Structures are given as structure tokens and as C-alpha cells.
Amino acid sequence: MFVSQQLTNSLLVFLFFSLVTLIGAGVGAVATVVAAPAVLGLAGFTAGGIAAGSYAASMMSAAAVANGGGIAAGSVVAALQAAGAAGISLAGQVVVGAAGAAVGAAASMASNCTL
């Protein structure tokens, strides 16, 4: 009887921490998808273009110097500016959400000492 009670308790603890980890992943995914447009704007990738004196302007300047004066189509700076101007595409939201879910799950597991 004692062994079966220990197994039952272990299973309940495992299920509880699994649920907590899933909740952490969900919160992380939603938070990053919601926060991403604001973060892009704060970095200087705006609908009106790259804001002068911003982090985005520094990135654009460094990319232009590295590429002989222009910004390559499809580069990180170009992709971020497109997302800042037109919003993040569904595929982009999936990628951002997956990254947020991974961070949320890892943070949840670390806080529960289950890593």
C-alpha cells in the first residue's frame, strides 16, 4: 500500500509541475506576441520609417557601412523595419510565440526547480 501511495503522490506532483510549465509556456507565448510590436516601436522601427537617433538607426548605419552604403533586401534590419511598418506577419507571430513559449517554459521549470 505504501509503494502505491508514493507512486500516486509522485504522479500528482509530476502532473502539477507539468501543468505549471504549460501555463508558463502559454503566458510566455502570448506575452511575446503582444509585446513584440511595442518593442519594435521602442527600438525605432516605426510605421513612418526608422526613427532618427534610435537603436534601429544605429543598426541601419552599421548594416549600410558593412554593405557598401545600402541595406540588403531580406536583411535583419529590412525585416525588422517591415515588421515595424506593416506589423508582424502570422508566420512571424508563430516564431515569436514559439520563442516566448520556450522562455516561459524554461523560466517556469527553473522556478519550480525541475530543470
PDB file of N, CA and C in Angstrom:
ATOM      1  N   MET A   1       0.825  -1.193   0.000  1.00  0.00           N
ATOM      2  CA  MET A   1       0.000   0.000   0.000  1.00  0.00           C
ATOM      3  C   MET A   1       0.870   1.259   0.000  1.00  0.00           C
ATOM      4  N   PHE A   2       1.965   1.229   0.763  1.00  0.00           N
ATOM      5  CA  PHE A   2       2.829   2.392   0.882  1.00  0.00           C
ATOM      6  C   PHE A   2       3.459   2.754  -0.466  1.00  0.00           C
ATOM      7  N   VAL A   3       3.886   1.748  -1.237  1.00  0.00           N
ATOM      8  CA  VAL A   3       4.509   1.991  -2.537  1.00  0.00           C
ATOM      9  C   VAL A   3       3.508   2.610  -3.503  1.00  0.00           C
ATOM     10  N   SER A   4       2.296   2.113  -3.546  1.00  0.00           N
ATOM     11  CA  SER A   4       1.301   2.667  -4.462  1.00  0.00           C
ATOM     12  C   SER A   4       0.944   4.103  -4.087  1.00  0.00           C
ATOM     13  N   GLN A   5       0.941   4.433  -2.809  1.00  0.00           N
ATOM     14  CA  GLN A   5       0.671   5.809  -2.373  1.00  0.00           C
ATOM     15  C   GLN A   5       1.813   6.732  -2.798  1.00  0.00           C
ATOM     16  N   GLN A   6       3.053   6.263  -2.696  1.00  0.00           N
ATOM     17  CA  GLN A   6       4.195   7.062  -3.142  1.00  0.00           C
ATOM     18  C   GLN A   6       4.126   7.306  -4.647  1.00  0.00           C
ATOM     19  N   LEU A   7       3.779   6.272  -5.412  1.00  0.00           N
ATOM     20  CA  LEU A   7       3.658   6.432  -6.860  1.00  0.00           C
ATOM     21  C   LEU A   7       2.549   7.405  -7.217  1.00  0.00           C
ATOM     22  N   THR A   8       1.424   7.315  -6.513  1.00  0.00           N
ATOM     23  CA  THR A   8       0.312   8.227  -6.758  1.00  0.00           C
ATOM     24  C   THR A   8       0.734   9.663  -6.454  1.00  0.00           C
ATOM     25  N   ASN A   9       1.413   9.871  -5.335  1.00  0.00           N
ATOM     26  CA  ASN A   9       1.877  11.208  -4.972  1.00  0.00           C
ATOM     27  C   ASN A   9       2.887  11.734  -5.987  1.00  0.00           C
ATOM     28  N   SER A  10       3.799  10.876  -6.425  1.00  0.00           N
ATOM     29  CA  SER A  10       4.791  11.284  -7.419  1.00  0.00           C
ATOM     30  C   SER A  10       4.121  11.672  -8.724  1.00  0.00           C
ATOM     31  N   LEU A  11       3.132  10.906  -9.131  1.00  0.00           N
ATOM     32  CA  LEU A  11       2.406  11.208 -10.362  1.00  0.00           C
ATOM     33  C   LEU A  11       1.667  12.542 -10.247  1.00  0.00           C
ATOM     34  N   LEU A  12       1.044  12.786  -9.106  1.00  0.00           N
ATOM     35  CA  LEU A  12       0.336  14.052  -8.905  1.00  0.00           C
ATOM     36  C   LEU A  12       1.294  15.234  -8.933  1.00  0.00           C
ATOM     37  N   VAL A  13       2.450  15.077  -8.311  1.00  0.00           N
ATOM     38  CA  VAL A  13       3.448  16.152  -8.327  1.00  0.00           C
ATOM     39  C   VAL A  13       3.927  16.396  -9.751  1.00  0.00           C
ATOM     40  N   PHE A  14       4.199  15.311 -10.490  1.00  0.00           N
ATOM     41  CA  PHE A  14       4.632  15.437 -11.880  1.00  0.00           C
ATOM     42  C   PHE A  14       3.573  16.157 -12.716  1.00  0.00           C
ATOM     43  N   LEU A  15       2.325  15.772 -12.570  1.00  0.00           N
ATOM     44  CA  LEU A  15       1.244  16.402 -13.333  1.00  0.00           C
ATOM     45  C   LEU A  15       1.085  17.873 -12.977  1.00  0.00           C
ATOM     46  N   PHE A  16       1.220  18.178 -11.689  1.00  0.00           N
ATOM     47  CA  PHE A  16       1.109  19.565 -11.255  1.00  0.00           C
ATOM     48  C   PHE A  16       2.198  20.422 -11.892  1.00  0.00           C
ATOM     49  N   PHE A  17       3.452  19.969 -11.805  1.00  0.00           N
ATOM     50  CA  PHE A  17       4.546  20.758 -12.363  1.00  0.00           C
ATOM     51  C   PHE A  17       4.494  20.806 -13.889  1.00  0.00           C
ATOM     52  N   SER A  18       3.964  19.765 -14.509  1.00  0.00           N
ATOM     53  CA  SER A  18       3.776  19.792 -15.960  1.00  0.00           C
ATOM     54  C   SER A  18       2.747  20.847 -16.340  1.00  0.00           C
ATOM     55  N   LEU A  19       1.671  20.915 -15.586  1.00  0.00           N
ATOM     56  CA  LEU A  19       0.645  21.919 -15.840  1.00  0.00           C
ATOM     57  C   LEU A  19       1.197  23.330 -15.630  1.00  0.00           C
ATOM     58  N   VAL A  20       1.958  23.511 -14.578  1.00  0.00           N
ATOM     59  CA  VAL A  20       2.563  24.823 -14.311  1.00  0.00           C
ATOM     60  C   VAL A  20       3.508  25.210 -15.445  1.00  0.00           C
ATOM     61  N   THR A  21       4.266  24.259 -15.956  1.00  0.00           N
ATOM     62  CA  THR A  21       5.175  24.529 -17.063  1.00  0.00           C
ATOM     63  C   THR A  21       4.402  24.899 -18.331  1.00  0.00           C
ATOM     64  N   LEU A  22       3.312  24.193 -18.597  1.00  0.00           N
ATOM     65  CA  LEU A  22       2.485  24.533 -19.760  1.00  0.00           C
ATOM     66  C   LEU A  22       1.875  25.924 -19.632  1.00  0.00           C
ATOM     67  N   ILE A  23       1.449  26.272 -18.440  1.00  0.00           N
ATOM     68  CA  ILE A  23       0.910  27.614 -18.217  1.00  0.00           C
ATOM     69  C   ILE A  23       2.002  28.656 -18.446  1.00  0.00           C
ATOM     70  N   GLY A  24       3.204  28.391 -17.938  1.00  0.00           N
ATOM     71  CA  GLY A  24       4.330  29.308 -18.165  1.00  0.00           C
ATOM     72  C   GLY A  24       4.640  29.477 -19.638  1.00  0.00           C
ATOM     73  N   ALA A  25       4.579  28.374 -20.390  1.00  0.00           N
ATOM     74  CA  ALA A  25       4.816  28.442 -21.835  1.00  0.00           C
ATOM     75  C   ALA A  25       3.737  29.273 -22.524  1.00  0.00           C
ATOM     76  N   GLY A  26       2.493  29.080 -22.128  1.00  0.00           N
ATOM     77  CA  GLY A  26       1.395  29.843 -22.724  1.00  0.00           C
ATOM     78  C   GLY A  26       1.502  31.324 -22.432  1.00  0.00           C
ATOM     79  N   VAL A  27       1.829  31.644 -21.201  1.00  0.00           N
ATOM     80  CA  VAL A  27       1.985  33.054 -20.823  1.00  0.00           C
ATOM     81  C   VAL A  27       3.144  33.680 -21.605  1.00  0.00           C
ATOM     82  N   GLY A  28       4.249  32.946 -21.708  1.00  0.00           N
ATOM     83  CA  GLY A  28       5.393  33.452 -22.460  1.00  0.00           C
ATOM     84  C   GLY A  28       5.058  33.695 -23.924  1.00  0.00           C
ATOM     85  N   ALA A  29       4.326  32.760 -24.531  1.00  0.00           N
ATOM     86  CA  ALA A  29       3.955  32.896 -25.941  1.00  0.00           C
ATOM     87  C   ALA A  29       3.064  34.116 -26.163  1.00  0.00           C
ATOM     88  N   VAL A  30       2.041  34.243 -25.359  1.00  0.00           N
ATOM     89  CA  VAL A  30       1.107  35.368 -25.518  1.00  0.00           C
ATOM     90  C   VAL A  30       1.804  36.697 -25.237  1.00  0.00           C
ATOM     91  N   ALA A  31       2.604  36.734 -24.185  1.00  0.00           N
ATOM     92  CA  ALA A  31       3.286  37.984 -23.824  1.00  0.00           C
ATOM     93  C   ALA A  31       4.219  38.466 -24.926  1.00  0.00           C
ATOM     94  N   THR A  32       4.960  37.555 -25.539  1.00  0.00           N
ATOM     95  CA  THR A  32       5.889  37.993 -26.582  1.00  0.00           C
ATOM     96  C   THR A  32       5.160  38.443 -27.842  1.00  0.00           C
ATOM     97  N   VAL A  33       4.090  37.765 -28.204  1.00  0.00           N
ATOM     98  CA  VAL A  33       3.341  38.166 -29.402  1.00  0.00           C
ATOM     99  C   VAL A  33       2.696  39.536 -29.183  1.00  0.00           C
ATOM    100  N   VAL A  34       2.188  39.774 -27.984  1.00  0.00           N
ATOM    101  CA  VAL A  34       1.555  41.062 -27.681  1.00  0.00           C
ATOM    102  C   VAL A  34       2.598  42.174 -27.565  1.00  0.00           C
ATOM    103  N   ALA A  35       3.743  41.870 -26.964  1.00  0.00           N
ATOM    104  CA  ALA A  35       4.757  42.896 -26.704  1.00  0.00           C
ATOM    105  C   ALA A  35       5.636  43.204 -27.913  1.00  0.00           C
ATOM    106  N   ALA A  36       5.744  42.293 -28.865  1.00  0.00           N
ATOM    107  CA  ALA A  36       6.670  42.470 -29.989  1.00  0.00           C
ATOM    108  C   ALA A  36       6.464  43.784 -30.763  1.00  0.00           C
ATOM    109  N   PRO A  37       5.242  44.157 -31.125  1.00  0.00           N
ATOM    110  CA  PRO A  37       5.087  45.434 -31.848  1.00  0.00           C
ATOM    111  C   PRO A  37       5.552  46.640 -31.028  1.00  0.00           C
ATOM    112  N   ALA A  38       5.278  46.624 -29.739  1.00  0.00           N
ATOM    113  CA  ALA A  38       5.715  47.731 -28.890  1.00  0.00           C
ATOM    114  C   ALA A  38       7.234  47.782 -28.790  1.00  0.00           C
ATOM    115  N   VAL A  39       7.852  46.633 -28.683  1.00  0.00           N
ATOM    116  CA  VAL A  39       9.316  46.571 -28.594  1.00  0.00           C
ATOM    117  C   VAL A  39       9.938  47.073 -29.897  1.00  0.00           C
ATOM    118  N   LEU A  40       9.361  46.686 -31.031  1.00  0.00           N
ATOM    119  CA  LEU A  40       9.865  47.192 -32.314  1.00  0.00           C
ATOM    120  C   LEU A  40       9.774  48.714 -32.373  1.00  0.00           C
ATOM    121  N   GLY A  41       8.646  49.243 -31.937  1.00  0.00           N
ATOM    122  CA  GLY A  41       8.469  50.698 -31.933  1.00  0.00           C
ATOM    123  C   GLY A  41       9.456  51.393 -31.009  1.00  0.00           C
ATOM    124  N   LEU A  42       9.669  50.828 -29.831  1.00  0.00           N
ATOM    125  CA  LEU A  42      10.620  51.422 -28.889  1.00  0.00           C
ATOM    126  C   LEU A  42      12.048  51.380 -29.422  1.00  0.00           C
ATOM    127  N   ALA A  43      12.362  50.350 -30.203  1.00  0.00           N
ATOM    128  CA  ALA A  43      13.701  50.239 -30.791  1.00  0.00           C
ATOM    129  C   ALA A  43      13.893  51.208 -31.946  1.00  0.00           C
ATOM    130  N   GLY A  44      12.780  51.745 -32.489  1.00  0.00           N
ATOM    131  CA  GLY A  44      12.869  52.721 -33.556  1.00  0.00           C
ATOM    132  C   GLY A  44      12.365  52.256 -34.900  1.00  0.00           C
ATOM    133  N   PHE A  45      11.825  51.040 -34.975  1.00  0.00           N
ATOM    134  CA  PHE A  45      11.243  50.539 -36.223  1.00  0.00           C
ATOM    135  C   PHE A  45       9.769  50.929 -36.234  1.00  0.00           C
ATOM    136  N   THR A  46       9.466  52.075 -36.831  1.00  0.00           N
ATOM    137  CA  THR A  46       8.106  52.622 -36.775  1.00  0.00           C
ATOM    138  C   THR A  46       7.424  52.557 -38.135  1.00  0.00           C
ATOM    139  N   ALA A  47       6.131  52.847 -38.146  1.00  0.00           N
ATOM    140  CA  ALA A  47       5.361  52.849 -39.394  1.00  0.00           C
ATOM    141  C   ALA A  47       5.851  53.940 -40.342  1.00  0.00           C
ATOM    142  N   GLY A  48       6.406  55.006 -39.797  1.00  0.00           N
ATOM    143  CA  GLY A  48       6.913  56.103 -40.615  1.00  0.00           C
ATOM    144  C   GLY A  48       8.353  55.937 -41.041  1.00  0.00           C
ATOM    145  N   GLY A  49       8.958  54.840 -40.698  1.00  0.00           N
ATOM    146  CA  GLY A  49      10.361  54.602 -41.033  1.00  0.00           C
ATOM    147  C   GLY A  49      11.195  54.478 -39.770  1.00  0.00           C
ATOM    148  N   ILE A  50      12.475  54.402 -39.953  1.00  0.00           N
ATOM    149  CA  ILE A  50      13.377  54.252 -38.814  1.00  0.00           C
ATOM    150  C   ILE A  50      13.543  55.605 -38.138  1.00  0.00           C
ATOM    151  N   ALA A  51      13.333  55.624 -36.820  1.00  0.00           N
ATOM    152  CA  ALA A  51      13.410  56.860 -36.048  1.00  0.00           C
ATOM    153  C   ALA A  51      14.862  57.306 -35.896  1.00  0.00           C
ATOM    154  N   ALA A  52      15.091  58.588 -36.122  1.00  0.00           N
ATOM    155  CA  ALA A  52      16.439  59.145 -36.009  1.00  0.00           C
ATOM    156  C   ALA A  52      16.958  59.021 -34.576  1.00  0.00           C
ATOM    157  N   GLY A  53      18.222  58.648 -34.432  1.00  0.00           N
ATOM    158  CA  GLY A  53      18.848  58.551 -33.123  1.00  0.00           C
ATOM    159  C   GLY A  53      18.474  57.318 -32.329  1.00  0.00           C
ATOM    160  N   SER A  54      17.759  56.407 -32.919  1.00  0.00           N
ATOM    161  CA  SER A  54      17.301  55.217 -32.205  1.00  0.00           C
ATOM    162  C   SER A  54      18.286  54.062 -32.389  1.00  0.00           C
ATOM    163  N   TYR A  55      18.005  52.982 -31.675  1.00  0.00           N
ATOM    164  CA  TYR A  55      18.780  51.758 -31.836  1.00  0.00           C
ATOM    165  C   TYR A  55      18.649  51.243 -33.271  1.00  0.00           C
ATOM    166  N   ALA A  56      17.457  51.376 -33.847  1.00  0.00           N
ATOM    167  CA  ALA A  56      17.234  50.958 -35.226  1.00  0.00           C
ATOM    168  C   ALA A  56      18.120  51.753 -36.185  1.00  0.00           C
ATOM    169  N   ALA A  57      18.283  53.041 -35.908  1.00  0.00           N
ATOM    170  CA  ALA A  57      19.144  53.870 -36.757  1.00  0.00           C
ATOM    171  C   ALA A  57      20.590  53.416 -36.668  1.00  0.00           C
ATOM    172  N   SER A  58      21.027  53.038 -35.475  1.00  0.00           N
ATOM    173  CA  SER A  58      22.388  52.516 -35.311  1.00  0.00           C
ATOM    174  C   SER A  58      22.571  51.212 -36.073  1.00  0.00           C
ATOM    175  N   MET A  59      21.561  50.337 -35.997  1.00  0.00           N
ATOM    176  CA  MET A  59      21.628  49.076 -36.734  1.00  0.00           C
ATOM    177  C   MET A  59      21.679  49.337 -38.235  1.00  0.00           C
ATOM    178  N   MET A  60      20.850  50.264 -38.696  1.00  0.00           N
ATOM    179  CA  MET A  60      20.803  50.571 -40.117  1.00  0.00           C
ATOM    180  C   MET A  60      22.136  51.150 -40.583  1.00  0.00           C
ATOM    181  N   SER A  61      22.726  52.019 -39.788  1.00  0.00           N
ATOM    182  CA  SER A  61      24.008  52.613 -40.130  1.00  0.00           C
ATOM    183  C   SER A  61      25.096  51.542 -40.222  1.00  0.00           C
ATOM    184  N   ALA A  62      25.138  50.649 -39.253  1.00  0.00           N
ATOM    185  CA  ALA A  62      26.144  49.583 -39.260  1.00  0.00           C
ATOM    186  C   ALA A  62      25.948  48.651 -40.452  1.00  0.00           C
ATOM    187  N   ALA A  63      24.697  48.338 -40.767  1.00  0.00           N
ATOM    188  CA  ALA A  63      24.419  47.467 -41.912  1.00  0.00           C
ATOM    189  C   ALA A  63      24.796  48.159 -43.216  1.00  0.00           C
ATOM    190  N   ALA A  64      24.542  49.456 -43.321  1.00  0.00           N
ATOM    191  CA  ALA A  64      24.878  50.193 -44.539  1.00  0.00           C
ATOM    192  C   ALA A  64      26.393  50.251 -44.728  1.00  0.00           C
ATOM    193  N   VAL A  65      27.122  50.482 -43.664  1.00  0.00           N
ATOM    194  CA  VAL A  65      28.587  50.521 -43.755  1.00  0.00           C
ATOM    195  C   VAL A  65      29.120  49.156 -44.178  1.00  0.00           C
ATOM    196  N   ALA A  66      28.564  48.101 -43.601  1.00  0.00           N
ATOM    197  CA  ALA A  66      29.027  46.744 -43.920  1.00  0.00           C
ATOM    198  C   ALA A  66      28.696  46.343 -45.353  1.00  0.00           C
ATOM    199  N   ASN A  67      27.640  46.923 -45.927  1.00  0.00           N
ATOM    200  CA  ASN A  67      27.204  46.544 -47.275  1.00  0.00           C
ATOM    201  C   ASN A  67      27.550  47.591 -48.329  1.00  0.00           C
ATOM    202  N   GLY A  68      28.468  48.452 -48.038  1.00  0.00           N
ATOM    203  CA  GLY A  68      28.877  49.436 -49.038  1.00  0.00           C
ATOM    204  C   GLY A  68      27.883  50.552 -49.266  1.00  0.00           C
ATOM    205  N   GLY A  69      27.072  50.872 -48.280  1.00  0.00           N
ATOM    206  CA  GLY A  69      26.171  52.018 -48.370  1.00  0.00           C
ATOM    207  C   GLY A  69      24.694  51.697 -48.491  1.00  0.00           C
ATOM    208  N   GLY A  70      24.350  50.448 -48.688  1.00  0.00           N
ATOM    209  CA  GLY A  70      22.943  50.105 -48.831  1.00  0.00           C
ATOM    210  C   GLY A  70      22.514  49.053 -47.826  1.00  0.00           C
ATOM    211  N   ILE A  71      21.225  48.896 -47.704  1.00  0.00           N
ATOM    212  CA  ILE A  71      20.661  47.862 -46.835  1.00  0.00           C
ATOM    213  C   ILE A  71      20.166  46.733 -47.733  1.00  0.00           C
ATOM    214  N   ALA A  72      20.693  45.553 -47.509  1.00  0.00           N
ATOM    215  CA  ALA A  72      20.318  44.406 -48.341  1.00  0.00           C
ATOM    216  C   ALA A  72      18.875  44.005 -48.084  1.00  0.00           C
ATOM    217  N   ALA A  73      18.155  43.730 -49.164  1.00  0.00           N
ATOM    218  CA  ALA A  73      16.785  43.218 -49.032  1.00  0.00           C
ATOM    219  C   ALA A  73      16.841  41.874 -48.313  1.00  0.00           C
ATOM    220  N   GLY A  74      15.943  41.685 -47.369  1.00  0.00           N
ATOM    221  CA  GLY A  74      15.906  40.436 -46.613  1.00  0.00           C
ATOM    222  C   GLY A  74      16.845  40.398 -45.429  1.00  0.00           C
ATOM    223  N   SER A  75      17.588  41.472 -45.207  1.00  0.00           N
ATOM    224  CA  SER A  75      18.488  41.521 -44.050  1.00  0.00           C
ATOM    225  C   SER A  75      17.682  41.682 -42.766  1.00  0.00           C
ATOM    226  N   VAL A  76      18.343  41.535 -41.650  1.00  0.00           N
ATOM    227  CA  VAL A  76      17.661  41.665 -40.359  1.00  0.00           C
ATOM    228  C   VAL A  76      17.043  43.055 -40.219  1.00  0.00           C
ATOM    229  N   VAL A  77      17.796  44.084 -40.586  1.00  0.00           N
ATOM    230  CA  VAL A  77      17.284  45.457 -40.479  1.00  0.00           C
ATOM    231  C   VAL A  77      16.058  45.633 -41.375  1.00  0.00           C
ATOM    232  N   ALA A  78      16.125  45.114 -42.593  1.00  0.00           N
ATOM    233  CA  ALA A  78      14.995  45.238 -43.509  1.00  0.00           C
ATOM    234  C   ALA A  78      13.774  44.487 -42.986  1.00  0.00           C
ATOM    235  N   ALA A  79      13.982  43.293 -42.449  1.00  0.00           N
ATOM    236  CA  ALA A  79      12.865  42.509 -41.916  1.00  0.00           C
ATOM    237  C   ALA A  79      12.232  43.182 -40.704  1.00  0.00           C
ATOM    238  N   LEU A  80      13.066  43.712 -39.817  1.00  0.00           N
ATOM    239  CA  LEU A  80      12.539  44.397 -38.633  1.00  0.00           C
ATOM    240  C   LEU A  80      11.786  45.668 -39.023  1.00  0.00           C
ATOM    241  N   GLN A  81      12.301  46.407 -40.006  1.00  0.00           N
ATOM    242  CA  GLN A  81      11.606  47.609 -40.437  1.00  0.00           C
ATOM    243  C   GLN A  81      10.279  47.262 -41.091  1.00  0.00           C
ATOM    244  N   ALA A  82      10.252  46.193 -41.874  1.00  0.00           N
ATOM    245  CA  ALA A  82       8.995  45.767 -42.496  1.00  0.00           C
ATOM    246  C   ALA A  82       7.977  45.388 -41.423  1.00  0.00           C
ATOM    247  N   ALA A  83       8.431  44.685 -40.395  1.00  0.00           N
ATOM    248  CA  ALA A  83       7.527  44.308 -39.302  1.00  0.00           C
ATOM    249  C   ALA A  83       7.070  45.534 -38.522  1.00  0.00           C
ATOM    250  N   GLY A  84       7.972  46.497 -38.323  1.00  0.00           N
ATOM    251  CA  GLY A  84       7.601  47.726 -37.614  1.00  0.00           C
ATOM    252  C   GLY A  84       6.623  48.572 -38.399  1.00  0.00           C
ATOM    253  N   ALA A  85       6.753  48.553 -39.715  1.00  0.00           N
ATOM    254  CA  ALA A  85       5.887  49.378 -40.552  1.00  0.00           C
ATOM    255  C   ALA A  85       4.533  48.732 -40.811  1.00  0.00           C
ATOM    256  N   ALA A  86       4.533  47.448 -41.118  1.00  0.00           N
ATOM    257  CA  ALA A  86       3.289  46.784 -41.531  1.00  0.00           C
ATOM    258  C   ALA A  86       2.729  45.841 -40.482  1.00  0.00           C
ATOM    259  N   GLY A  87       3.441  45.625 -39.401  1.00  0.00           N
ATOM    260  CA  GLY A  87       3.008  44.663 -38.404  1.00  0.00           C
ATOM    261  C   GLY A  87       3.681  43.317 -38.642  1.00  0.00           C
ATOM    262  N   ILE A  88       3.606  42.478 -37.655  1.00  0.00           N
ATOM    263  CA  ILE A  88       4.260  41.178 -37.732  1.00  0.00           C
ATOM    264  C   ILE A  88       3.313  40.198 -38.421  1.00  0.00           C
ATOM    265  N   SER A  89       3.844  39.492 -39.404  1.00  0.00           N
ATOM    266  CA  SER A  89       3.031  38.526 -40.148  1.00  0.00           C
ATOM    267  C   SER A  89       2.655  37.348 -39.257  1.00  0.00           C
ATOM    268  N   LEU A  90       1.733  36.526 -39.722  1.00  0.00           N
ATOM    269  CA  LEU A  90       1.315  35.356 -38.960  1.00  0.00           C
ATOM    270  C   LEU A  90       2.498  34.411 -38.721  1.00  0.00           C
ATOM    271  N   ALA A  91       3.310  34.210 -39.751  1.00  0.00           N
ATOM    272  CA  ALA A  91       4.493  33.350 -39.587  1.00  0.00           C
ATOM    273  C   ALA A  91       5.448  33.944 -38.558  1.00  0.00           C
ATOM    274  N   GLY A  92       5.615  35.253 -38.595  1.00  0.00           N
ATOM    275  CA  GLY A  92       6.462  35.928 -37.613  1.00  0.00           C
ATOM    276  C   GLY A  92       5.911  35.790 -36.202  1.00  0.00           C
ATOM    277  N   GLN A  93       4.589  35.881 -36.069  1.00  0.00           N
ATOM    278  CA  GLN A  93       3.972  35.709 -34.758  1.00  0.00           C
ATOM    279  C   GLN A  93       4.176  34.299 -34.228  1.00  0.00           C
ATOM    280  N   VAL A  94       4.146  33.321 -35.129  1.00  0.00           N
ATOM    281  CA  VAL A  94       4.379  31.933 -34.716  1.00  0.00           C
ATOM    282  C   VAL A  94       5.801  31.785 -34.190  1.00  0.00           C
ATOM    283  N   VAL A  95       6.763  32.362 -34.900  1.00  0.00           N
ATOM    284  CA  VAL A  95       8.164  32.266 -34.469  1.00  0.00           C
ATOM    285  C   VAL A  95       8.367  32.990 -33.143  1.00  0.00           C
ATOM    286  N   VAL A  96       7.842  34.203 -33.042  1.00  0.00           N
ATOM    287  CA  VAL A  96       7.976  34.974 -31.801  1.00  0.00           C
ATOM    288  C   VAL A  96       7.271  34.256 -30.643  1.00  0.00           C
ATOM    289  N   GLY A  97       6.092  33.719 -30.914  1.00  0.00           N
ATOM    290  CA  GLY A  97       5.351  32.990 -29.886  1.00  0.00           C
ATOM    291  C   GLY A  97       6.076  31.735 -29.437  1.00  0.00           C
ATOM    292  N   ALA A  98       6.685  31.024 -30.373  1.00  0.00           N
ATOM    293  CA  ALA A  98       7.435  29.814 -30.005  1.00  0.00           C
ATOM    294  C   ALA A  98       8.640  30.157 -29.142  1.00  0.00           C
ATOM    295  N   ALA A  99       9.329  31.227 -29.489  1.00  0.00           N
ATOM    296  CA  ALA A  99      10.467  31.652 -28.670  1.00  0.00           C
ATOM    297  C   ALA A  99       9.997  32.053 -27.267  1.00  0.00           C
ATOM    298  N   GLY A 100       8.899  32.786 -27.206  1.00  0.00           N
ATOM    299  CA  GLY A 100       8.348  33.179 -25.912  1.00  0.00           C
ATOM    300  C   GLY A 100       7.894  31.988 -25.099  1.00  0.00           C
ATOM    301  N   ALA A 101       7.317  30.991 -25.766  1.00  0.00           N
ATOM    302  CA  ALA A 101       6.889  29.776 -25.071  1.00  0.00           C
ATOM    303  C   ALA A 101       8.076  29.033 -24.490  1.00  0.00           C
ATOM    304  N   ALA A 102       9.153  28.963 -25.244  1.00  0.00           N
ATOM    305  CA  ALA A 102      10.359  28.279 -24.752  1.00  0.00           C
ATOM    306  C   ALA A 102      10.930  29.000 -23.537  1.00  0.00           C
ATOM    307  N   VAL A 103      10.975  30.311 -23.600  1.00  0.00           N
ATOM    308  CA  VAL A 103      11.490  31.081 -22.461  1.00  0.00           C
ATOM    309  C   VAL A 103      10.550  30.952 -21.267  1.00  0.00           C
ATOM    310  N   GLY A 104       9.252  31.020 -21.509  1.00  0.00           N
ATOM    311  CA  GLY A 104       8.284  30.878 -20.425  1.00  0.00           C
ATOM    312  C   GLY A 104       8.349  29.516 -19.762  1.00  0.00           C
ATOM    313  N   ALA A 105       8.475  28.459 -20.563  1.00  0.00           N
ATOM    314  CA  ALA A 105       8.580  27.106 -20.008  1.00  0.00           C
ATOM    315  C   ALA A 105       9.869  26.948 -19.217  1.00  0.00           C
ATOM    316  N   ALA A 106      10.977  27.455 -19.758  1.00  0.00           N
ATOM    317  CA  ALA A 106      12.257  27.353 -19.049  1.00  0.00           C
ATOM    318  C   ALA A 106      12.220  28.122 -17.731  1.00  0.00           C
ATOM    319  N   ALA A 107      11.629  29.304 -17.748  1.00  0.00           N
ATOM    320  CA  ALA A 107      11.527  30.094 -16.517  1.00  0.00           C
ATOM    321  C   ALA A 107      10.646  29.379 -15.497  1.00  0.00           C
ATOM    322  N   SER A 108       9.564  28.792 -15.963  1.00  0.00           N
ATOM    323  CA  SER A 108       8.672  28.063 -15.072  1.00  0.00           C
ATOM    324  C   SER A 108       9.379  26.854 -14.457  1.00  0.00           C
ATOM    325  N   MET A 109      10.094  26.123 -15.297  1.00  0.00           N
ATOM    326  CA  MET A 109      10.817  24.944 -14.798  1.00  0.00           C
ATOM    327  C   MET A 109      11.921  25.350 -13.820  1.00  0.00           C
ATOM    328  N   ALA A 110      12.595  26.450 -14.111  1.00  0.00           N
ATOM    329  CA  ALA A 110      13.668  26.919 -13.217  1.00  0.00           C
ATOM    330  C   ALA A 110      13.085  27.349 -11.867  1.00  0.00           C
ATOM    331  N   SER A 111      11.938  28.012 -11.908  1.00  0.00           N
ATOM    332  CA  SER A 111      11.347  28.469 -10.651  1.00  0.00           C
ATOM    333  C   SER A 111      10.792  27.322  -9.833  1.00  0.00           C
ATOM    334  N   ASN A 112      10.487  26.210 -10.510  1.00  0.00           N
ATOM    335  CA  ASN A 112       9.984  25.029  -9.796  1.00  0.00           C
ATOM    336  C   ASN A 112      11.102  24.042  -9.464  1.00  0.00           C
ATOM    337  N   CYS A 113      12.320  24.398  -9.815  1.00  0.00           N
ATOM    338  CA  CYS A 113      13.487  23.524  -9.609  1.00  0.00           C
ATOM    339  C   CYS A 113      13.301  22.176 -10.302  1.00  0.00           C
ATOM    340  N   THR A 114      12.726  22.191 -11.502  1.00  0.00           N
ATOM    341  CA  THR A 114      12.524  20.945 -12.246  1.00  0.00           C
ATOM    342  C   THR A 114      13.410  20.858 -13.469  1.00  0.00           C
ATOM    343  N   LEU A 115      14.402  21.736 -13.571  1.00  0.00           N
ATOM    344  CA  LEU A 115      15.327  21.674 -14.709  1.00  0.00           C
ATOM    345  C   LEU A 115      16.301  20.542 -14.539  1.00  0.00           C
TER     346      LEU A 115
END
